[in-house]
């Protein structure tokens, strides 16, 4: 199971350098999961950049979304990586809570933290 963070998911709703490779990777059919946080982040990006919410819904339909618990919020707040931002820490907690084997991210700080917690990091380019 692969956990999808927002830095990767945004490449599915916009045309970025890595977008095509990411789509090809996902076309191979890995099981993709994320937390409910992904929906809020993607929809806010859509509002800010005028991206059709129908496209965002289509991307989210391909992801199993899971809720974050109070425990995950606490864990996210305690990770020792000082440079890890709050929302990225929540994504890491979400990945660990579902026993994901890998984190699909293009965020350098989140990638470092994910590796430190034993997750493989995937970032197709």
N, C-alpha and C. Protein backbone atom coordinates (compact mmCIF):
# COMPACT_ATOMS: atom_id res chain seq x y z
N UNK A 1 0.85 -1.17 0.00
CA UNK A 1 0.00 0.00 0.00
C UNK A 1 0.90 1.24 0.00
N UNK A 2 0.55 2.20 -0.84
CA UNK A 2 1.35 3.41 -1.01
C UNK A 2 0.53 4.61 -0.54
N UNK A 3 1.15 5.44 0.28
CA UNK A 3 0.49 6.64 0.80
C UNK A 3 0.81 7.81 -0.12
N UNK A 4 -0.22 8.51 -0.57
CA UNK A 4 -0.09 9.65 -1.48
C UNK A 4 -0.21 10.94 -0.69
N UNK A 5 0.82 11.79 -0.77
CA UNK A 5 0.73 13.09 -0.11
C UNK A 5 0.33 14.16 -1.12
N UNK A 6 0.09 15.35 -0.64
CA UNK A 6 -0.42 16.42 -1.49
C UNK A 6 0.58 16.88 -2.54
N UNK A 7 1.87 16.87 -2.22
CA UNK A 7 2.86 17.31 -3.21
C UNK A 7 2.84 16.43 -4.45
N UNK A 8 2.47 15.19 -4.29
CA UNK A 8 2.33 14.29 -5.44
C UNK A 8 0.94 14.44 -6.07
N UNK A 9 -0.09 14.47 -5.26
CA UNK A 9 -1.46 14.53 -5.79
C UNK A 9 -1.70 15.78 -6.62
N UNK A 10 -1.06 16.88 -6.26
CA UNK A 10 -1.26 18.12 -7.01
C UNK A 10 -0.77 17.97 -8.45
N UNK A 11 0.17 17.08 -8.67
CA UNK A 11 0.68 16.84 -10.03
C UNK A 11 -0.35 16.13 -10.90
N UNK A 12 -1.38 15.59 -10.27
CA UNK A 12 -2.45 14.92 -11.01
C UNK A 12 -3.56 15.88 -11.42
N UNK A 13 -3.54 17.09 -10.87
CA UNK A 13 -4.55 18.09 -11.23
C UNK A 13 -3.94 19.29 -11.93
N UNK A 14 -2.65 19.22 -12.20
CA UNK A 14 -1.96 20.31 -12.89
C UNK A 14 -0.91 19.71 -13.81
N UNK A 15 -0.36 20.53 -14.64
CA UNK A 15 0.67 20.07 -15.58
C UNK A 15 2.03 20.50 -15.07
N UNK A 16 2.68 19.59 -14.35
CA UNK A 16 4.02 19.85 -13.81
C UNK A 16 5.00 18.90 -14.48
N UNK A 17 6.26 19.17 -14.27
CA UNK A 17 7.31 18.39 -14.93
C UNK A 17 7.16 16.88 -14.68
N UNK A 18 6.77 16.50 -13.47
CA UNK A 18 6.68 15.08 -13.11
C UNK A 18 5.31 14.46 -13.36
N UNK A 19 4.35 15.25 -13.81
CA UNK A 19 2.96 14.78 -13.92
C UNK A 19 2.81 13.53 -14.78
N UNK A 20 3.41 13.52 -15.95
CA UNK A 20 3.25 12.37 -16.85
C UNK A 20 3.84 11.10 -16.26
N UNK A 21 5.03 11.19 -15.68
CA UNK A 21 5.65 10.01 -15.08
C UNK A 21 4.84 9.51 -13.89
N UNK A 22 4.31 10.41 -13.10
CA UNK A 22 3.48 10.01 -11.96
C UNK A 22 2.23 9.30 -12.45
N UNK A 23 1.59 9.83 -13.48
CA UNK A 23 0.39 9.17 -14.03
C UNK A 23 0.73 7.77 -14.55
N UNK A 24 1.85 7.65 -15.24
CA UNK A 24 2.27 6.32 -15.74
C UNK A 24 2.47 5.35 -14.58
N UNK A 25 3.11 5.83 -13.52
CA UNK A 25 3.34 4.98 -12.36
C UNK A 25 2.00 4.53 -11.76
N UNK A 26 1.09 5.45 -11.59
CA UNK A 26 -0.21 5.10 -11.00
C UNK A 26 -1.05 4.22 -11.91
N UNK A 27 -0.84 4.33 -13.22
CA UNK A 27 -1.55 3.46 -14.17
C UNK A 27 -1.18 1.99 -13.99
N UNK A 28 -0.04 1.73 -13.34
CA UNK A 28 0.38 0.35 -13.07
C UNK A 28 -0.50 -0.30 -12.01
N UNK A 29 -1.30 0.51 -11.32
CA UNK A 29 -2.31 -0.03 -10.41
C UNK A 29 -1.93 -0.26 -8.97
N UNK A 30 -0.97 0.48 -8.40
CA UNK A 30 -0.70 0.25 -6.99
C UNK A 30 -1.89 0.70 -6.14
N UNK A 31 -2.08 0.07 -4.98
CA UNK A 31 -3.13 0.49 -4.06
C UNK A 31 -2.67 1.79 -3.41
N UNK A 32 -3.46 2.85 -3.58
CA UNK A 32 -3.08 4.18 -3.10
C UNK A 32 -4.05 4.61 -2.00
N UNK A 33 -3.47 5.09 -0.91
CA UNK A 33 -4.24 5.54 0.24
C UNK A 33 -3.71 6.90 0.67
N UNK A 34 -4.56 7.66 1.33
CA UNK A 34 -4.16 8.93 1.93
C UNK A 34 -5.11 9.22 3.07
N UNK A 35 -4.89 10.32 3.75
CA UNK A 35 -5.82 10.71 4.81
C UNK A 35 -6.84 11.70 4.24
N UNK A 36 -7.88 11.95 5.00
CA UNK A 36 -8.90 12.92 4.60
C UNK A 36 -8.30 14.31 4.39
N UNK A 37 -7.17 14.56 5.00
CA UNK A 37 -6.47 15.83 4.83
C UNK A 37 -6.20 16.12 3.36
N UNK A 38 -5.95 15.09 2.57
CA UNK A 38 -5.68 15.27 1.14
C UNK A 38 -6.84 15.97 0.44
N UNK A 39 -8.06 15.59 0.80
CA UNK A 39 -9.21 16.20 0.13
C UNK A 39 -9.25 17.70 0.39
N UNK A 40 -9.08 18.10 1.63
CA UNK A 40 -9.11 19.53 1.95
C UNK A 40 -8.00 20.27 1.23
N UNK A 41 -6.79 19.72 1.27
CA UNK A 41 -5.67 20.40 0.62
C UNK A 41 -5.87 20.53 -0.89
N UNK A 42 -6.28 19.44 -1.54
CA UNK A 42 -6.48 19.50 -2.99
C UNK A 42 -7.62 20.45 -3.37
N UNK A 43 -8.70 20.42 -2.62
CA UNK A 43 -9.82 21.30 -2.95
C UNK A 43 -9.44 22.77 -2.74
N UNK A 44 -8.66 23.08 -1.72
CA UNK A 44 -8.20 24.46 -1.51
C UNK A 44 -7.28 24.89 -2.64
N UNK A 45 -6.40 24.00 -3.08
CA UNK A 45 -5.54 24.31 -4.23
C UNK A 45 -6.40 24.59 -5.45
N UNK A 46 -7.43 23.78 -5.64
CA UNK A 46 -8.34 23.99 -6.76
C UNK A 46 -9.01 25.34 -6.72
N UNK A 47 -9.48 25.74 -5.55
CA UNK A 47 -10.12 27.04 -5.40
C UNK A 47 -9.13 28.16 -5.70
N UNK A 48 -7.93 28.06 -5.14
CA UNK A 48 -6.92 29.12 -5.33
C UNK A 48 -6.51 29.27 -6.79
N UNK A 49 -6.43 28.16 -7.51
CA UNK A 49 -5.89 28.18 -8.87
C UNK A 49 -6.95 27.99 -9.96
N UNK A 50 -8.21 27.99 -9.58
CA UNK A 50 -9.28 27.87 -10.57
C UNK A 50 -9.33 26.52 -11.26
N UNK A 51 -8.98 25.46 -10.55
CA UNK A 51 -9.01 24.11 -11.10
C UNK A 51 -10.39 23.52 -10.85
N UNK A 52 -10.97 22.94 -11.87
CA UNK A 52 -12.32 22.37 -11.80
C UNK A 52 -12.39 21.32 -10.69
N UNK A 53 -13.36 21.47 -9.80
CA UNK A 53 -13.54 20.52 -8.69
C UNK A 53 -13.90 19.12 -9.18
N UNK A 54 -14.47 19.02 -10.38
CA UNK A 54 -14.78 17.70 -10.95
C UNK A 54 -13.48 16.92 -11.17
N UNK A 55 -12.44 17.58 -11.63
CA UNK A 55 -11.14 16.94 -11.81
C UNK A 55 -10.58 16.48 -10.46
N UNK A 56 -10.72 17.31 -9.47
CA UNK A 56 -10.22 16.95 -8.13
C UNK A 56 -10.99 15.76 -7.59
N UNK A 57 -12.30 15.74 -7.78
CA UNK A 57 -13.10 14.60 -7.35
C UNK A 57 -12.65 13.33 -8.06
N UNK A 58 -12.35 13.41 -9.34
CA UNK A 58 -11.89 12.24 -10.09
C UNK A 58 -10.58 11.71 -9.53
N UNK A 59 -9.66 12.59 -9.17
CA UNK A 59 -8.40 12.15 -8.57
C UNK A 59 -8.67 11.50 -7.22
N UNK A 60 -9.48 12.13 -6.40
CA UNK A 60 -9.77 11.60 -5.07
C UNK A 60 -10.50 10.26 -5.14
N UNK A 61 -11.30 10.05 -6.17
CA UNK A 61 -12.00 8.77 -6.33
C UNK A 61 -11.04 7.60 -6.52
N UNK A 62 -9.82 7.88 -6.94
CA UNK A 62 -8.82 6.83 -7.13
C UNK A 62 -7.97 6.56 -5.90
N UNK A 63 -8.32 7.22 -4.79
CA UNK A 63 -7.53 7.11 -3.56
C UNK A 63 -8.45 6.68 -2.43
N UNK A 64 -8.01 5.71 -1.63
CA UNK A 64 -8.74 5.35 -0.43
C UNK A 64 -8.37 6.36 0.65
N UNK A 65 -9.35 7.13 1.12
CA UNK A 65 -9.10 8.13 2.14
C UNK A 65 -9.45 7.58 3.51
N UNK A 66 -8.59 7.84 4.48
CA UNK A 66 -8.80 7.37 5.84
C UNK A 66 -8.79 8.55 6.80
N UNK A 67 -9.55 8.47 7.88
CA UNK A 67 -9.56 9.57 8.85
C UNK A 67 -8.32 9.54 9.73
N UNK A 68 -7.94 10.71 10.20
CA UNK A 68 -6.87 10.81 11.19
C UNK A 68 -7.51 10.82 12.57
N UNK A 69 -6.91 10.12 13.49
CA UNK A 69 -7.43 10.05 14.86
C UNK A 69 -6.68 11.04 15.75
N UNK A 70 -7.20 11.22 16.93
CA UNK A 70 -6.53 12.07 17.93
C UNK A 70 -5.11 11.57 18.16
N UNK A 71 -4.92 10.27 18.20
CA UNK A 71 -3.59 9.69 18.40
C UNK A 71 -2.63 10.12 17.29
N UNK A 72 -3.08 10.10 16.05
CA UNK A 72 -2.20 10.51 14.94
C UNK A 72 -1.86 12.00 15.02
N UNK A 73 -2.82 12.82 15.43
CA UNK A 73 -2.51 14.24 15.61
C UNK A 73 -1.42 14.42 16.67
N UNK A 74 -1.52 13.67 17.76
CA UNK A 74 -0.51 13.76 18.82
C UNK A 74 0.84 13.27 18.30
N UNK A 75 0.85 12.12 17.64
CA UNK A 75 2.11 11.59 17.10
C UNK A 75 2.76 12.58 16.14
N UNK A 76 1.95 13.17 15.26
CA UNK A 76 2.48 14.12 14.28
C UNK A 76 3.16 15.30 14.98
N UNK A 77 2.61 15.72 16.08
CA UNK A 77 3.20 16.83 16.82
C UNK A 77 4.50 16.50 17.50
N UNK A 78 4.80 15.23 17.66
CA UNK A 78 5.98 14.80 18.41
C UNK A 78 7.14 14.31 17.55
N UNK A 79 6.99 14.25 16.24
CA UNK A 79 8.09 13.77 15.41
C UNK A 79 9.31 14.66 15.61
N UNK A 80 10.50 14.06 15.69
CA UNK A 80 11.70 14.83 16.03
C UNK A 80 12.26 15.69 14.89
N UNK A 81 11.80 15.52 13.69
CA UNK A 81 12.34 16.29 12.56
C UNK A 81 11.86 17.74 12.67
N UNK A 82 12.75 18.65 13.05
CA UNK A 82 12.39 20.04 13.32
C UNK A 82 11.86 20.76 12.08
N UNK A 83 12.33 20.40 10.90
CA UNK A 83 11.92 21.07 9.68
C UNK A 83 10.62 20.55 9.08
N UNK A 84 10.05 19.51 9.66
CA UNK A 84 8.83 18.91 9.13
C UNK A 84 7.63 19.80 9.45
N UNK A 85 6.93 20.24 8.42
CA UNK A 85 5.77 21.11 8.62
C UNK A 85 4.59 20.31 9.17
N UNK A 86 3.66 21.03 9.78
CA UNK A 86 2.54 20.39 10.48
C UNK A 86 1.71 19.49 9.59
N UNK A 87 1.29 19.98 8.41
CA UNK A 87 0.45 19.15 7.55
C UNK A 87 1.22 17.95 7.01
N UNK A 88 2.51 18.13 6.75
CA UNK A 88 3.33 17.00 6.31
C UNK A 88 3.48 15.98 7.43
N UNK A 89 3.62 16.45 8.66
CA UNK A 89 3.68 15.53 9.80
C UNK A 89 2.39 14.74 9.92
N UNK A 90 1.26 15.38 9.65
CA UNK A 90 -0.02 14.65 9.67
C UNK A 90 -0.07 13.61 8.56
N UNK A 91 0.44 13.93 7.38
CA UNK A 91 0.49 12.93 6.31
C UNK A 91 1.38 11.75 6.73
N UNK A 92 2.51 12.04 7.35
CA UNK A 92 3.39 10.95 7.80
C UNK A 92 2.67 10.09 8.83
N UNK A 93 1.99 10.71 9.77
CA UNK A 93 1.24 9.94 10.77
C UNK A 93 0.17 9.09 10.10
N UNK A 94 -0.48 9.64 9.09
CA UNK A 94 -1.48 8.88 8.36
C UNK A 94 -0.89 7.67 7.66
N UNK A 95 0.27 7.85 7.05
CA UNK A 95 0.93 6.73 6.36
C UNK A 95 1.32 5.64 7.34
N UNK A 96 1.87 6.03 8.48
CA UNK A 96 2.29 5.04 9.47
C UNK A 96 1.09 4.34 10.09
N UNK A 97 -0.02 5.05 10.24
CA UNK A 97 -1.19 4.44 10.89
C UNK A 97 -1.83 3.36 10.05
N UNK A 98 -1.68 3.43 8.73
CA UNK A 98 -2.26 2.41 7.85
C UNK A 98 -1.22 1.38 7.41
N UNK A 99 -0.04 1.45 8.01
CA UNK A 99 1.05 0.53 7.68
C UNK A 99 1.41 0.57 6.20
N UNK A 100 1.45 1.77 5.64
CA UNK A 100 1.87 1.91 4.24
C UNK A 100 3.32 1.44 4.12
N UNK A 101 3.64 0.87 2.98
CA UNK A 101 5.02 0.43 2.75
C UNK A 101 5.85 1.54 2.12
N UNK A 102 5.18 2.52 1.53
CA UNK A 102 5.89 3.59 0.84
C UNK A 102 5.09 4.89 0.89
N UNK A 103 5.82 5.98 0.72
CA UNK A 103 5.23 7.32 0.66
C UNK A 103 5.50 7.89 -0.72
N UNK A 104 4.45 8.27 -1.41
CA UNK A 104 4.57 8.90 -2.73
C UNK A 104 4.56 10.40 -2.48
N UNK A 105 5.75 11.02 -2.55
CA UNK A 105 5.89 12.44 -2.24
C UNK A 105 7.01 13.06 -3.05
N UNK A 106 6.88 14.35 -3.30
CA UNK A 106 7.94 15.13 -3.94
C UNK A 106 8.48 16.18 -2.97
N UNK A 107 8.03 16.13 -1.73
CA UNK A 107 8.46 17.07 -0.70
C UNK A 107 9.72 16.52 -0.03
N UNK A 108 10.81 17.27 -0.10
CA UNK A 108 12.10 16.80 0.40
C UNK A 108 12.07 16.54 1.90
N UNK A 109 11.50 17.45 2.67
CA UNK A 109 11.47 17.27 4.13
C UNK A 109 10.60 16.09 4.53
N UNK A 110 9.45 15.94 3.88
CA UNK A 110 8.59 14.81 4.18
C UNK A 110 9.26 13.51 3.77
N UNK A 111 9.94 13.51 2.64
CA UNK A 111 10.65 12.31 2.18
C UNK A 111 11.71 11.89 3.20
N UNK A 112 12.46 12.85 3.71
CA UNK A 112 13.48 12.53 4.72
C UNK A 112 12.85 11.95 5.98
N UNK A 113 11.77 12.55 6.44
CA UNK A 113 11.09 12.05 7.63
C UNK A 113 10.50 10.67 7.39
N UNK A 114 9.93 10.45 6.21
CA UNK A 114 9.36 9.14 5.89
C UNK A 114 10.44 8.07 5.91
N UNK A 115 11.58 8.36 5.31
CA UNK A 115 12.70 7.40 5.33
C UNK A 115 13.15 7.12 6.77
N UNK A 116 13.20 8.16 7.58
CA UNK A 116 13.62 8.00 8.98
C UNK A 116 12.67 7.10 9.75
N UNK A 117 11.43 7.01 9.28
CA UNK A 117 10.43 6.15 9.92
C UNK A 117 10.25 4.83 9.18
N UNK A 118 11.18 4.51 8.29
CA UNK A 118 11.19 3.20 7.65
C UNK A 118 10.36 3.06 6.39
N UNK A 119 9.86 4.15 5.85
CA UNK A 119 9.07 4.07 4.63
C UNK A 119 9.95 4.24 3.40
N UNK A 120 9.67 3.49 2.37
CA UNK A 120 10.28 3.73 1.07
C UNK A 120 9.67 5.01 0.52
N UNK A 121 10.45 5.80 -0.18
CA UNK A 121 9.94 7.02 -0.80
C UNK A 121 9.93 6.84 -2.31
N UNK A 122 8.79 7.15 -2.91
CA UNK A 122 8.62 7.02 -4.36
C UNK A 122 8.31 8.41 -4.91
N UNK A 123 9.04 8.80 -5.96
CA UNK A 123 8.82 10.09 -6.61
C UNK A 123 9.17 9.96 -8.08
N UNK A 124 8.27 9.41 -8.90
CA UNK A 124 8.57 9.22 -10.32
C UNK A 124 8.91 10.54 -11.02
N UNK A 125 10.01 10.53 -11.77
CA UNK A 125 10.40 11.74 -12.54
C UNK A 125 10.64 11.39 -13.99
